[in-house]
Amino acid sequence: APVNGATLAADSYVGAARALQALGRADDAQRYFQAAASMTRAYGDLTPNIGTGRGDSNFGGMAEGASAEALVELAKTDIKNGNYKAAFEKLQAATQAKPSRELRGEINRMTMEMLPYLNK
């Protein structure tokens, strides 16, 4: 079960986005990924969690897992479009959304591959 309401909503948005991708509706999928990504905080945001302080209540305001997936998908689109700075910022934010071990590995790999472009 999701740890909070934000995670439940983000899971739903990511599921809808994946379905839209499968139907070839990439633009619509991007909007759903963006909605899921908005369920987490910006990288470096120091606003305290509301509720338990661990973010595990419906009021924590921080989605886990699915928001990280959405941010990675959005970063892939930015990379495809040559917007490496925006992609890097999304990957940083994804690390705060408690990605799975596998997704964290993908984030690290993508970041390392982008470093030469970021340093230009």
PDB file of N, CA and C in Angstrom:
ATOM      1  N   ALA A   1       0.842  -1.188   0.000  1.00  0.00           N
ATOM      2  CA  ALA A   1       0.000   0.000   0.000  1.00  0.00           C
ATOM      3  C   ALA A   1       0.882   1.244   0.000  1.00  0.00           C
ATOM      4  N   PRO A   2       0.427   2.313  -0.633  1.00  0.00           N
ATOM      5  CA  PRO A   2       1.206   3.560  -0.629  1.00  0.00           C
ATOM      6  C   PRO A   2       1.369   4.091   0.785  1.00  0.00           C
ATOM      7  N   VAL A   3       2.471   4.778   1.023  1.00  0.00           N
ATOM      8  CA  VAL A   3       2.726   5.307   2.365  1.00  0.00           C
ATOM      9  C   VAL A   3       1.915   6.555   2.649  1.00  0.00           C
ATOM     10  N   ASN A   4       1.411   7.237   1.626  1.00  0.00           N
ATOM     11  CA  ASN A   4       0.591   8.430   1.847  1.00  0.00           C
ATOM     12  C   ASN A   4      -0.259   8.716   0.619  1.00  0.00           C
ATOM     13  N   GLY A   5      -1.148   9.667   0.752  1.00  0.00           N
ATOM     14  CA  GLY A   5      -2.058  10.013  -0.337  1.00  0.00           C
ATOM     15  C   GLY A   5      -1.340  10.531  -1.570  1.00  0.00           C
ATOM     16  N   ALA A   6      -0.264  11.286  -1.375  1.00  0.00           N
ATOM     17  CA  ALA A   6       0.490  11.819  -2.505  1.00  0.00           C
ATOM     18  C   ALA A   6       1.078  10.677  -3.336  1.00  0.00           C
ATOM     19  N   THR A   7       1.548   9.637  -2.674  1.00  0.00           N
ATOM     20  CA  THR A   7       2.109   8.493  -3.385  1.00  0.00           C
ATOM     21  C   THR A   7       1.025   7.756  -4.166  1.00  0.00           C
ATOM     22  N   LEU A   8      -0.147   7.611  -3.572  1.00  0.00           N
ATOM     23  CA  LEU A   8      -1.264   6.976  -4.261  1.00  0.00           C
ATOM     24  C   LEU A   8      -1.614   7.739  -5.537  1.00  0.00           C
ATOM     25  N   ALA A   9      -1.701   9.058  -5.447  1.00  0.00           N
ATOM     26  CA  ALA A   9      -2.017   9.880  -6.620  1.00  0.00           C
ATOM     27  C   ALA A   9      -0.912   9.778  -7.663  1.00  0.00           C
ATOM     28  N   ALA A  10       0.342   9.839  -7.234  1.00  0.00           N
ATOM     29  CA  ALA A  10       1.458   9.756  -8.175  1.00  0.00           C
ATOM     30  C   ALA A  10       1.487   8.403  -8.879  1.00  0.00           C
ATOM     31  N   ASP A  11       1.212   7.322  -8.139  1.00  0.00           N
ATOM     32  CA  ASP A  11       1.140   5.992  -8.754  1.00  0.00           C
ATOM     33  C   ASP A  11       0.086   5.968  -9.854  1.00  0.00           C
ATOM     34  N   SER A  12      -1.060   6.580  -9.593  1.00  0.00           N
ATOM     35  CA  SER A  12      -2.144   6.614 -10.572  1.00  0.00           C
ATOM     36  C   SER A  12      -1.740   7.400 -11.810  1.00  0.00           C
ATOM     37  N   TYR A  13      -1.103   8.552 -11.610  1.00  0.00           N
ATOM     38  CA  TYR A  13      -0.657   9.361 -12.745  1.00  0.00           C
ATOM     39  C   TYR A  13       0.375   8.624 -13.594  1.00  0.00           C
ATOM     40  N   VAL A  14       1.318   7.948 -12.944  1.00  0.00           N
ATOM     41  CA  VAL A  14       2.341   7.218 -13.692  1.00  0.00           C
ATOM     42  C   VAL A  14       1.709   6.059 -14.461  1.00  0.00           C
ATOM     43  N   GLY A  15       0.765   5.363 -13.845  1.00  0.00           N
ATOM     44  CA  GLY A  15       0.068   4.281 -14.544  1.00  0.00           C
ATOM     45  C   GLY A  15      -0.655   4.785 -15.783  1.00  0.00           C
ATOM     46  N   ALA A  16      -1.335   5.922 -15.659  1.00  0.00           N
ATOM     47  CA  ALA A  16      -2.028   6.518 -16.805  1.00  0.00           C
ATOM     48  C   ALA A  16      -1.027   6.940 -17.876  1.00  0.00           C
ATOM     49  N   ALA A  17       0.094   7.501 -17.458  1.00  0.00           N
ATOM     50  CA  ALA A  17       1.114   7.926 -18.419  1.00  0.00           C
ATOM     51  C   ALA A  17       1.686   6.737 -19.187  1.00  0.00           C
ATOM     52  N   ARG A  18       1.948   5.642 -18.492  1.00  0.00           N
ATOM     53  CA  ARG A  18       2.473   4.438 -19.164  1.00  0.00           C
ATOM     54  C   ARG A  18       1.454   3.909 -20.175  1.00  0.00           C
ATOM     55  N   ALA A  19       0.168   3.936 -19.819  1.00  0.00           N
ATOM     56  CA  ALA A  19      -0.878   3.481 -20.744  1.00  0.00           C
ATOM     57  C   ALA A  19      -0.930   4.387 -21.977  1.00  0.00           C
ATOM     58  N   LEU A  20      -0.832   5.687 -21.761  1.00  0.00           N
ATOM     59  CA  LEU A  20      -0.845   6.626 -22.882  1.00  0.00           C
ATOM     60  C   LEU A  20       0.385   6.448 -23.778  1.00  0.00           C
ATOM     61  N   GLN A  21       1.538   6.171 -23.165  1.00  0.00           N
ATOM     62  CA  GLN A  21       2.743   5.883 -23.956  1.00  0.00           C
ATOM     63  C   GLN A  21       2.515   4.676 -24.849  1.00  0.00           C
ATOM     64  N   ALA A  22       1.925   3.635 -24.295  1.00  0.00           N
ATOM     65  CA  ALA A  22       1.671   2.416 -25.059  1.00  0.00           C
ATOM     66  C   ALA A  22       0.724   2.670 -26.225  1.00  0.00           C
ATOM     67  N   LEU A  23      -0.159   3.656 -26.070  1.00  0.00           N
ATOM     68  CA  LEU A  23      -1.090   4.015 -27.138  1.00  0.00           C
ATOM     69  C   LEU A  23      -0.483   4.998 -28.136  1.00  0.00           C
ATOM     70  N   GLY A  24       0.769   5.396 -27.890  1.00  0.00           N
ATOM     71  CA  GLY A  24       1.443   6.319 -28.795  1.00  0.00           C
ATOM     72  C   GLY A  24       1.087   7.777 -28.565  1.00  0.00           C
ATOM     73  N   ARG A  25       0.510   8.078 -27.429  1.00  0.00           N
ATOM     74  CA  ARG A  25       0.107   9.456 -27.114  1.00  0.00           C
ATOM     75  C   ARG A  25       1.131  10.075 -26.162  1.00  0.00           C
ATOM     76  N   ALA A  26       2.322  10.334 -26.701  1.00  0.00           N
ATOM     77  CA  ALA A  26       3.450  10.801 -25.893  1.00  0.00           C
ATOM     78  C   ALA A  26       3.180  12.151 -25.231  1.00  0.00           C
ATOM     79  N   ASP A  27       2.543  13.070 -25.935  1.00  0.00           N
ATOM     80  CA  ASP A  27       2.290  14.396 -25.348  1.00  0.00           C
ATOM     81  C   ASP A  27       1.362  14.305 -24.137  1.00  0.00           C
ATOM     82  N   ASP A  28       0.320  13.496 -24.264  1.00  0.00           N
ATOM     83  CA  ASP A  28      -0.586  13.299 -23.130  1.00  0.00           C
ATOM     84  C   ASP A  28       0.139  12.614 -21.977  1.00  0.00           C
ATOM     85  N   ALA A  29       0.976  11.635 -22.300  1.00  0.00           N
ATOM     86  CA  ALA A  29       1.744  10.931 -21.265  1.00  0.00           C
ATOM     87  C   ALA A  29       2.639  11.912 -20.502  1.00  0.00           C
ATOM     88  N   GLN A  30       3.258  12.848 -21.209  1.00  0.00           N
ATOM     89  CA  GLN A  30       4.135  13.823 -20.560  1.00  0.00           C
ATOM     90  C   GLN A  30       3.363  14.648 -19.522  1.00  0.00           C
ATOM     91  N   ARG A  31       2.140  15.004 -19.831  1.00  0.00           N
ATOM     92  CA  ARG A  31       1.337  15.781 -18.874  1.00  0.00           C
ATOM     93  C   ARG A  31       1.067  14.973 -17.600  1.00  0.00           C
ATOM     94  N   TYR A  32       0.819  13.685 -17.757  1.00  0.00           N
ATOM     95  CA  TYR A  32       0.585  12.849 -16.579  1.00  0.00           C
ATOM     96  C   TYR A  32       1.875  12.629 -15.784  1.00  0.00           C
ATOM     97  N   PHE A  33       3.005  12.470 -16.492  1.00  0.00           N
ATOM     98  CA  PHE A  33       4.282  12.373 -15.778  1.00  0.00           C
ATOM     99  C   PHE A  33       4.552  13.666 -15.006  1.00  0.00           C
ATOM    100  N   GLN A  34       4.234  14.813 -15.612  1.00  0.00           N
ATOM    101  CA  GLN A  34       4.430  16.090 -14.942  1.00  0.00           C
ATOM    102  C   GLN A  34       3.560  16.188 -13.689  1.00  0.00           C
ATOM    103  N   ALA A  35       2.329  15.700 -13.782  1.00  0.00           N
ATOM    104  CA  ALA A  35       1.440  15.717 -12.615  1.00  0.00           C
ATOM    105  C   ALA A  35       2.013  14.854 -11.491  1.00  0.00           C
ATOM    106  N   ALA A  36       2.533  13.680 -11.842  1.00  0.00           N
ATOM    107  CA  ALA A  36       3.135  12.807 -10.821  1.00  0.00           C
ATOM    108  C   ALA A  36       4.382  13.442 -10.230  1.00  0.00           C
ATOM    109  N   ALA A  37       5.173  14.082 -11.070  1.00  0.00           N
ATOM    110  CA  ALA A  37       6.406  14.720 -10.603  1.00  0.00           C
ATOM    111  C   ALA A  37       6.107  15.867  -9.641  1.00  0.00           C
ATOM    112  N   SER A  38       4.976  16.510  -9.822  1.00  0.00           N
ATOM    113  CA  SER A  38       4.637  17.638  -8.957  1.00  0.00           C
ATOM    114  C   SER A  38       4.236  17.191  -7.551  1.00  0.00           C
ATOM    115  N   MET A  39       4.112  15.894  -7.336  1.00  0.00           N
ATOM    116  CA  MET A  39       3.709  15.379  -6.029  1.00  0.00           C
ATOM    117  C   MET A  39       4.885  15.248  -5.055  1.00  0.00           C
ATOM    118  N   THR A  40       6.048  15.707  -5.465  1.00  0.00           N
ATOM    119  CA  THR A  40       7.196  15.665  -4.570  1.00  0.00           C
ATOM    120  C   THR A  40       7.789  17.057  -4.460  1.00  0.00           C
ATOM    121  N   ARG A  41       8.685  17.239  -3.543  1.00  0.00           N
ATOM    122  CA  ARG A  41       9.278  18.551  -3.331  1.00  0.00           C
ATOM    123  C   ARG A  41      10.425  18.799  -4.300  1.00  0.00           C
ATOM    124  N   ALA A  42      10.725  20.062  -4.493  1.00  0.00           N
ATOM    125  CA  ALA A  42      11.881  20.436  -5.310  1.00  0.00           C
ATOM    126  C   ALA A  42      13.154  20.028  -4.585  1.00  0.00           C
ATOM    127  N   TYR A  43      14.201  19.770  -5.335  1.00  0.00           N
ATOM    128  CA  TYR A  43      15.483  19.398  -4.762  1.00  0.00           C
ATOM    129  C   TYR A  43      15.967  20.504  -3.825  1.00  0.00           C
ATOM    130  N   GLY A  44      16.343  20.132  -2.638  1.00  0.00           N
ATOM    131  CA  GLY A  44      16.877  21.072  -1.669  1.00  0.00           C
ATOM    132  C   GLY A  44      15.835  21.840  -0.864  1.00  0.00           C
ATOM    133  N   ASP A  45      14.560  21.547  -1.062  1.00  0.00           N
ATOM    134  CA  ASP A  45      13.501  22.207  -0.317  1.00  0.00           C
ATOM    135  C   ASP A  45      13.595  21.783   1.150  1.00  0.00           C
ATOM    136  N   LEU A  46      13.692  22.747   2.020  1.00  0.00           N
ATOM    137  CA  LEU A  46      13.862  22.446   3.451  1.00  0.00           C
ATOM    138  C   LEU A  46      12.568  22.589   4.241  1.00  0.00           C
ATOM    139  N   THR A  47      11.438  22.746   3.541  1.00  0.00           N
ATOM    140  CA  THR A  47      10.159  22.850   4.234  1.00  0.00           C
ATOM    141  C   THR A  47       9.911  21.570   5.017  1.00  0.00           C
ATOM    142  N   PRO A  48       9.619  21.668   6.300  1.00  0.00           N
ATOM    143  CA  PRO A  48       9.397  20.447   7.081  1.00  0.00           C
ATOM    144  C   PRO A  48       8.115  19.731   6.668  1.00  0.00           C
ATOM    145  N   ASN A  49       8.098  18.434   6.853  1.00  0.00           N
ATOM    146  CA  ASN A  49       6.890  17.649   6.606  1.00  0.00           C
ATOM    147  C   ASN A  49       5.831  18.023   7.624  1.00  0.00           C
ATOM    148  N   ILE A  50       4.586  17.932   7.200  1.00  0.00           N
ATOM    149  CA  ILE A  50       3.468  18.156   8.108  1.00  0.00           C
ATOM    150  C   ILE A  50       3.000  16.785   8.578  1.00  0.00           C
ATOM    151  N   GLY A  51       2.527  16.665   9.748  1.00  0.00           N
ATOM    152  CA  GLY A  51       2.051  15.378  10.242  1.00  0.00           C
ATOM    153  C   GLY A  51       3.097  14.750  11.126  1.00  0.00           C
ATOM    154  N   THR A  52       3.561  13.585  10.773  1.00  0.00           N
ATOM    155  CA  THR A  52       4.491  12.860  11.634  1.00  0.00           C
ATOM    156  C   THR A  52       5.912  13.370  11.537  1.00  0.00           C
ATOM    157  N   GLY A  53       6.217  14.155  10.500  1.00  0.00           N
ATOM    158  CA  GLY A  53       7.586  14.598  10.319  1.00  0.00           C
ATOM    159  C   GLY A  53       8.387  13.626   9.486  1.00  0.00           C
ATOM    160  N   ARG A  54       7.852  12.422   9.264  1.00  0.00           N
ATOM    161  CA  ARG A  54       8.542  11.443   8.423  1.00  0.00           C
ATOM    162  C   ARG A  54       7.950  11.421   7.015  1.00  0.00           C
ATOM    163  N   GLY A  55       6.873  12.146   6.799  1.00  0.00           N
ATOM    164  CA  GLY A  55       6.244  12.176   5.491  1.00  0.00           C
ATOM    165  C   GLY A  55       5.398  10.955   5.207  1.00  0.00           C
ATOM    166  N   ASP A  56       5.049  10.185   6.227  1.00  0.00           N
ATOM    167  CA  ASP A  56       4.302   8.953   6.002  1.00  0.00           C
ATOM    168  C   ASP A  56       2.818   9.109   6.319  1.00  0.00           C
ATOM    169  N   SER A  57       2.349  10.344   6.346  1.00  0.00           N
ATOM    170  CA  SER A  57       0.921  10.575   6.530  1.00  0.00           C
ATOM    171  C   SER A  57       0.355  11.137   5.231  1.00  0.00           C
ATOM    172  N   ASN A  58      -0.947  11.244   5.139  1.00  0.00           N
ATOM    173  CA  ASN A  58      -1.562  11.833   3.960  1.00  0.00           C
ATOM    174  C   ASN A  58      -1.235  13.308   3.821  1.00  0.00           C
ATOM    175  N   PHE A  59      -0.671  13.887   4.840  1.00  0.00           N
ATOM    176  CA  PHE A  59      -0.371  15.313   4.827  1.00  0.00           C
ATOM    177  C   PHE A  59       1.120  15.579   4.638  1.00  0.00           C
ATOM    178  N   GLY A  60       1.903  14.540   4.390  1.00  0.00           N
ATOM    179  CA  GLY A  60       3.341  14.718   4.249  1.00  0.00           C
ATOM    180  C   GLY A  60       3.725  15.519   3.030  1.00  0.00           C
ATOM    181  N   GLY A  61       2.895  15.474   1.970  1.00  0.00           N
ATOM    182  CA  GLY A  61       3.172  16.261   0.780  1.00  0.00           C
ATOM    183  C   GLY A  61       4.328  15.754  -0.036  1.00  0.00           C
ATOM    184  N   MET A  62       4.719  14.513   0.167  1.00  0.00           N
ATOM    185  CA  MET A  62       5.867  14.006  -0.560  1.00  0.00           C
ATOM    186  C   MET A  62       5.559  12.596  -1.052  1.00  0.00           C
ATOM    187  N   ALA A  63       5.410  12.473  -2.344  1.00  0.00           N
ATOM    188  CA  ALA A  63       5.181  11.157  -2.930  1.00  0.00           C
ATOM    189  C   ALA A  63       6.511  10.428  -3.055  1.00  0.00           C
ATOM    190  N   GLU A  64       6.459   9.145  -2.928  1.00  0.00           N
ATOM    191  CA  GLU A  64       7.664   8.322  -3.044  1.00  0.00           C
ATOM    192  C   GLU A  64       7.564   7.435  -4.267  1.00  0.00           C
ATOM    193  N   GLY A  65       8.705   7.055  -4.799  1.00  0.00           N
ATOM    194  CA  GLY A  65       8.752   6.050  -5.859  1.00  0.00           C
ATOM    195  C   GLY A  65       8.209   6.512  -7.190  1.00  0.00           C
ATOM    196  N   ALA A  66       6.905   6.622  -7.303  1.00  0.00           N
ATOM    197  CA  ALA A  66       6.284   6.954  -8.585  1.00  0.00           C
ATOM    198  C   ALA A  66       6.705   8.340  -9.063  1.00  0.00           C
ATOM    199  N   SER A  67       6.841   9.287  -8.157  1.00  0.00           N
ATOM    200  CA  SER A  67       7.292  10.617  -8.557  1.00  0.00           C
ATOM    201  C   SER A  67       8.711  10.563  -9.104  1.00  0.00           C
ATOM    202  N   ALA A  68       9.532   9.717  -8.516  1.00  0.00           N
ATOM    203  CA  ALA A  68      10.896   9.552  -9.033  1.00  0.00           C
ATOM    204  C   ALA A  68      10.857   8.986 -10.442  1.00  0.00           C
ATOM    205  N   GLU A  69       9.991   7.986 -10.686  1.00  0.00           N
ATOM    206  CA  GLU A  69       9.843   7.433 -12.036  1.00  0.00           C
ATOM    207  C   GLU A  69       9.430   8.508 -13.022  1.00  0.00           C
ATOM    208  N   ALA A  70       8.471   9.328 -12.624  1.00  0.00           N
ATOM    209  CA  ALA A  70       7.977  10.390 -13.496  1.00  0.00           C
ATOM    210  C   ALA A  70       9.083  11.395 -13.813  1.00  0.00           C
ATOM    211  N   LEU A  71       9.848  11.763 -12.804  1.00  0.00           N
ATOM    212  CA  LEU A  71      10.933  12.716 -13.022  1.00  0.00           C
ATOM    213  C   LEU A  71      11.989  12.153 -13.965  1.00  0.00           C
ATOM    214  N   VAL A  72      12.278  10.866 -13.852  1.00  0.00           N
ATOM    215  CA  VAL A  72      13.242  10.240 -14.754  1.00  0.00           C
ATOM    216  C   VAL A  72      12.714  10.247 -16.186  1.00  0.00           C
ATOM    217  N   GLU A  73      11.436   9.946 -16.351  1.00  0.00           N
ATOM    218  CA  GLU A  73      10.841   9.979 -17.699  1.00  0.00           C
ATOM    219  C   GLU A  73      10.896  11.383 -18.290  1.00  0.00           C
ATOM    220  N   LEU A  74      10.605  12.386 -17.483  1.00  0.00           N
ATOM    221  CA  LEU A  74      10.675  13.768 -17.952  1.00  0.00           C
ATOM    222  C   LEU A  74      12.118  14.153 -18.290  1.00  0.00           C
ATOM    223  N   ALA A  75      13.070  13.666 -17.487  1.00  0.00           N
ATOM    224  CA  ALA A  75      14.483  13.944 -17.767  1.00  0.00           C
ATOM    225  C   ALA A  75      14.911  13.302 -19.090  1.00  0.00           C
ATOM    226  N   LYS A  76      14.403  12.109 -19.383  1.00  0.00           N
ATOM    227  CA  LYS A  76      14.730  11.466 -20.658  1.00  0.00           C
ATOM    228  C   LYS A  76      14.267  12.314 -21.838  1.00  0.00           C
ATOM    229  N   THR A  77      13.097  12.919 -21.703  1.00  0.00           N
ATOM    230  CA  THR A  77      12.589  13.800 -22.759  1.00  0.00           C
ATOM    231  C   THR A  77      13.479  15.032 -22.892  1.00  0.00           C
ATOM    232  N   ASP A  78      13.892  15.606 -21.755  1.00  0.00           N
ATOM    233  CA  ASP A  78      14.791  16.762 -21.801  1.00  0.00           C
ATOM    234  C   ASP A  78      16.116  16.401 -22.475  1.00  0.00           C
ATOM    235  N   ILE A  79      16.643  15.235 -22.174  1.00  0.00           N
ATOM    236  CA  ILE A  79      17.900  14.798 -22.789  1.00  0.00           C
ATOM    237  C   ILE A  79      17.718  14.648 -24.292  1.00  0.00           C
ATOM    238  N   LYS A  80      16.611  14.057 -24.680  1.00  0.00           N
ATOM    239  CA  LYS A  80      16.322  13.880 -26.105  1.00  0.00           C
ATOM    240  C   LYS A  80      16.262  15.230 -26.822  1.00  0.00           C
ATOM    241  N   ASN A  81      15.765  16.250 -26.117  1.00  0.00           N
ATOM    242  CA  ASN A  81      15.647  17.594 -26.691  1.00  0.00           C
ATOM    243  C   ASN A  81      16.903  18.437 -26.492  1.00  0.00           C
ATOM    244  N   GLY A  82      17.925  17.857 -25.852  1.00  0.00           N
ATOM    245  CA  GLY A  82      19.187  18.569 -25.641  1.00  0.00           C
ATOM    246  C   GLY A  82      19.174  19.547 -24.483  1.00  0.00           C
ATOM    247  N   ASN A  83      18.193  19.483 -23.621  1.00  0.00           N
ATOM    248  CA  ASN A  83      18.096  20.371 -22.469  1.00  0.00           C
ATOM    249  C   ASN A  83      18.688  19.657 -21.249  1.00  0.00           C
ATOM    250  N   TYR A  84      20.010  19.599 -21.200  1.00  0.00           N
ATOM    251  CA  TYR A  84      20.696  18.816 -20.176  1.00  0.00           C
ATOM    252  C   TYR A  84      20.582  19.429 -18.781  1.00  0.00           C
ATOM    253  N   LYS A  85      20.550  20.762 -18.706  1.00  0.00           N
ATOM    254  CA  LYS A  85      20.426  21.402 -17.392  1.00  0.00           C
ATOM    255  C   LYS A  85      19.087  21.040 -16.745  1.00  0.00           C
ATOM    256  N   ALA A  86      18.008  21.126 -17.505  1.00  0.00           N
ATOM    257  CA  ALA A  86      16.683  20.774 -16.962  1.00  0.00           C
ATOM    258  C   ALA A  86      16.636  19.292 -16.589  1.00  0.00           C
ATOM    259  N   ALA A  87      17.248  18.449 -17.418  1.00  0.00           N
ATOM    260  CA  ALA A  87      17.279  17.016 -17.125  1.00  0.00           C
ATOM    261  C   ALA A  87      18.032  16.753 -15.825  1.00  0.00           C
ATOM    262  N   PHE A  88      19.153  17.426 -15.641  1.00  0.00           N
ATOM    263  CA  PHE A  88      19.952  17.252 -14.426  1.00  0.00           C
ATOM    264  C   PHE A  88      19.149  17.652 -13.192  1.00  0.00           C
ATOM    265  N   GLU A  89      18.416  18.764 -13.289  1.00  0.00           N
ATOM    266  CA  GLU A  89      17.598  19.217 -12.152  1.00  0.00           C
ATOM    267  C   GLU A  89      16.500  18.208 -11.825  1.00  0.00           C
ATOM    268  N   LYS A  90      15.907  17.613 -12.845  1.00  0.00           N
ATOM    269  CA  LYS A  90      14.866  16.600 -12.607  1.00  0.00           C
ATOM    270  C   LYS A  90      15.463  15.354 -11.961  1.00  0.00           C
ATOM    271  N   LEU A  91      16.651  14.966 -12.388  1.00  0.00           N
ATOM    272  CA  LEU A  91      17.289  13.789 -11.792  1.00  0.00           C
ATOM    273  C   LEU A  91      17.664  14.047 -10.336  1.00  0.00           C
ATOM    274  N   GLN A  92      18.080  15.272 -10.030  1.00  0.00           N
ATOM    275  CA  GLN A  92      18.354  15.617  -8.637  1.00  0.00           C
ATOM    276  C   GLN A  92      17.080  15.502  -7.800  1.00  0.00           C
ATOM    277  N   ALA A  93      15.983  16.034  -8.326  1.00  0.00           N
ATOM    278  CA  ALA A  93      14.718  15.968  -7.603  1.00  0.00           C
ATOM    279  C   ALA A  93      14.272  14.525  -7.425  1.00  0.00           C
ATOM    280  N   ALA A  94      14.548  13.689  -8.414  1.00  0.00           N
ATOM    281  CA  ALA A  94      14.159  12.272  -8.335  1.00  0.00           C
ATOM    282  C   ALA A  94      14.835  11.572  -7.163  1.00  0.00           C
ATOM    283  N   THR A  95      16.026  11.994  -6.809  1.00  0.00           N
ATOM    284  CA  THR A  95      16.720  11.352  -5.689  1.00  0.00           C
ATOM    285  C   THR A  95      16.021  11.628  -4.365  1.00  0.00           C
ATOM    286  N   GLN A  96      15.260  12.723  -4.271  1.00  0.00           N
ATOM    287  CA  GLN A  96      14.527  13.035  -3.045  1.00  0.00           C
ATOM    288  C   GLN A  96      13.207  12.293  -2.956  1.00  0.00           C
ATOM    289  N   ALA A  97      12.753  11.704  -4.063  1.00  0.00           N
ATOM    290  CA  ALA A  97      11.460  11.018  -4.089  1.00  0.00           C
ATOM    291  C   ALA A  97      11.601   9.537  -3.755  1.00  0.00           C
ATOM    292  N   LYS A  98      12.664   9.185  -3.090  1.00  0.00           N
ATOM    293  CA  LYS A  98      12.916   7.822  -2.628  1.00  0.00           C
ATOM    294  C   LYS A  98      12.766   6.781  -3.744  1.00  0.00           C
ATOM    295  N   PRO A  99      13.623   6.880  -4.773  1.00  0.00           N
ATOM    296  CA  PRO A  99      13.544   5.900  -5.863  1.00  0.00           C
ATOM    297  C   PRO A  99      13.991   4.519  -5.395  1.00  0.00           C
ATOM    298  N   SER A 100      13.556   3.501  -6.143  1.00  0.00           N
ATOM    299  CA  SER A 100      14.005   2.141  -5.852  1.00  0.00           C
ATOM    300  C   SER A 100      15.506   2.042  -6.131  1.00  0.00           C
ATOM    301  N   ARG A 101      16.111   0.978  -5.695  1.00  0.00           N
ATOM    302  CA  ARG A 101      17.543   0.773  -5.911  1.00  0.00           C
ATOM    303  C   ARG A 101      17.866   0.758  -7.407  1.00  0.00           C
ATOM    304  N   GLU A 102      17.014   0.093  -8.189  1.00  0.00           N
ATOM    305  CA  GLU A 102      17.245   0.006  -9.633  1.00  0.00           C
ATOM    306  C   GLU A 102      17.118   1.378 -10.283  1.00  0.00           C
ATOM    307  N   LEU A 103      16.108   2.123  -9.877  1.00  0.00           N
ATOM    308  CA  LEU A 103      15.908   3.455 -10.453  1.00  0.00           C
ATOM    309  C   LEU A 103      17.034   4.394 -10.039  1.00  0.00           C
ATOM    310  N   ARG A 104      17.502   4.260  -8.806  1.00  0.00           N
ATOM    311  CA  ARG A 104      18.639   5.087  -8.362  1.00  0.00           C
ATOM    312  C   ARG A 104      19.869   4.789  -9.219  1.00  0.00           C
ATOM    313  N   GLY A 105      20.072   3.528  -9.571  1.00  0.00           N
ATOM    314  CA  GLY A 105      21.179   3.179 -10.461  1.00  0.00           C
ATOM    315  C   GLY A 105      21.024   3.828 -11.826  1.00  0.00           C
ATOM    316  N   GLU A 106      19.795   3.847 -12.342  1.00  0.00           N
ATOM    317  CA  GLU A 106      19.539   4.492 -13.635  1.00  0.00           C
ATOM    318  C   GLU A 106      19.768   5.998 -13.545  1.00  0.00           C
ATOM    319  N   ILE A 107      19.357   6.600 -12.452  1.00  0.00           N
ATOM    320  CA  ILE A 107      19.579   8.037 -12.238  1.00  0.00           C
ATOM    321  C   ILE A 107      21.071   8.336 -12.237  1.00  0.00           C
ATOM    322  N   ASN A 108      21.832   7.530 -11.518  1.00  0.00           N
ATOM    323  CA  ASN A 108      23.289   7.727 -11.461  1.00  0.00           C
ATOM    324  C   ASN A 108      23.919   7.562 -12.834  1.00  0.00           C
ATOM    325  N   ARG A 109      23.479   6.541 -13.582  1.00  0.00           N
ATOM    326  CA  ARG A 109      24.029   6.302 -14.923  1.00  0.00           C
ATOM    327  C   ARG A 109      23.718   7.478 -15.845  1.00  0.00           C
ATOM    328  N   MET A 110      22.466   7.942 -15.821  1.00  0.00           N
ATOM    329  CA  MET A 110      22.069   9.063 -16.675  1.00  0.00           C
ATOM    330  C   MET A 110      22.859  10.328 -16.322  1.00  0.00           C
ATOM    331  N   THR A 111      23.042  10.561 -15.031  1.00  0.00           N
ATOM    332  CA  THR A 111      23.784  11.738 -14.589  1.00  0.00           C
ATOM    333  C   THR A 111      25.222  11.683 -15.077  1.00  0.00           C
ATOM    334  N   MET A 112      25.854  10.530 -14.947  1.00  0.00           N
ATOM    335  CA  MET A 112      27.244  10.385 -15.399  1.00  0.00           C
ATOM    336  C   MET A 112      27.369  10.590 -16.912  1.00  0.00           C
ATOM    337  N   GLU A 113      26.405  10.100 -17.661  1.00  0.00           N
ATOM    338  CA  GLU A 113      26.436  10.261 -19.117  1.00  0.00           C
ATOM    339  C   GLU A 113      26.229  11.715 -19.530  1.00  0.00           C
ATOM    340  N   MET A 114      25.543  12.486 -18.706  1.00  0.00           N
ATOM    341  CA  MET A 114      25.282  13.888 -19.034  1.00  0.00           C
ATOM    342  C   MET A 114      26.411  14.827 -18.635  1.00  0.00           C
ATOM    343  N   LEU A 115      27.296  14.427 -17.748  1.00  0.00           N
ATOM    344  CA  LEU A 115      28.325  15.332 -17.225  1.00  0.00           C
ATOM    345  C   LEU A 115      29.125  16.041 -18.313  1.00  0.00           C
ATOM    346  N   PRO A 116      29.565  15.340 -19.377  1.00  0.00           N
ATOM    347  CA  PRO A 116      30.318  16.079 -20.416  1.00  0.00           C
ATOM    348  C   PRO A 116      29.495  17.206 -21.047  1.00  0.00           C
ATOM    349  N   TYR A 117      28.200  17.012 -21.189  1.00  0.00           N
ATOM    350  CA  TYR A 117      27.350  18.050 -21.789  1.00  0.00           C
ATOM    351  C   TYR A 117      27.089  19.197 -20.825  1.00  0.00           C
ATOM    352  N   LEU A 118      27.027  18.886 -19.535  1.00  0.00           N
ATOM    353  CA  LEU A 118      26.795  19.924 -18.534  1.00  0.00           C
ATOM    354  C   LEU A 118      28.010  20.816 -18.350  1.00  0.00           C
ATOM    355  N   ASN A 119      29.202  20.263 -18.588  1.00  0.00           N
ATOM    356  CA  ASN A 119      30.435  21.002 -18.384  1.00  0.00           C
ATOM    357  C   ASN A 119      30.836  21.874 -19.564  1.00  0.00           C
ATOM    358  N   LYS A 120      30.045  21.846 -20.641  1.00  0.00           N
ATOM    359  CA  LYS A 120      30.384  22.684 -21.816  1.00  0.00           C
ATOM    360  C   LYS A 120      29.976  24.112 -21.590  1.00  0.00           C
TER     361      LYS A 120
END
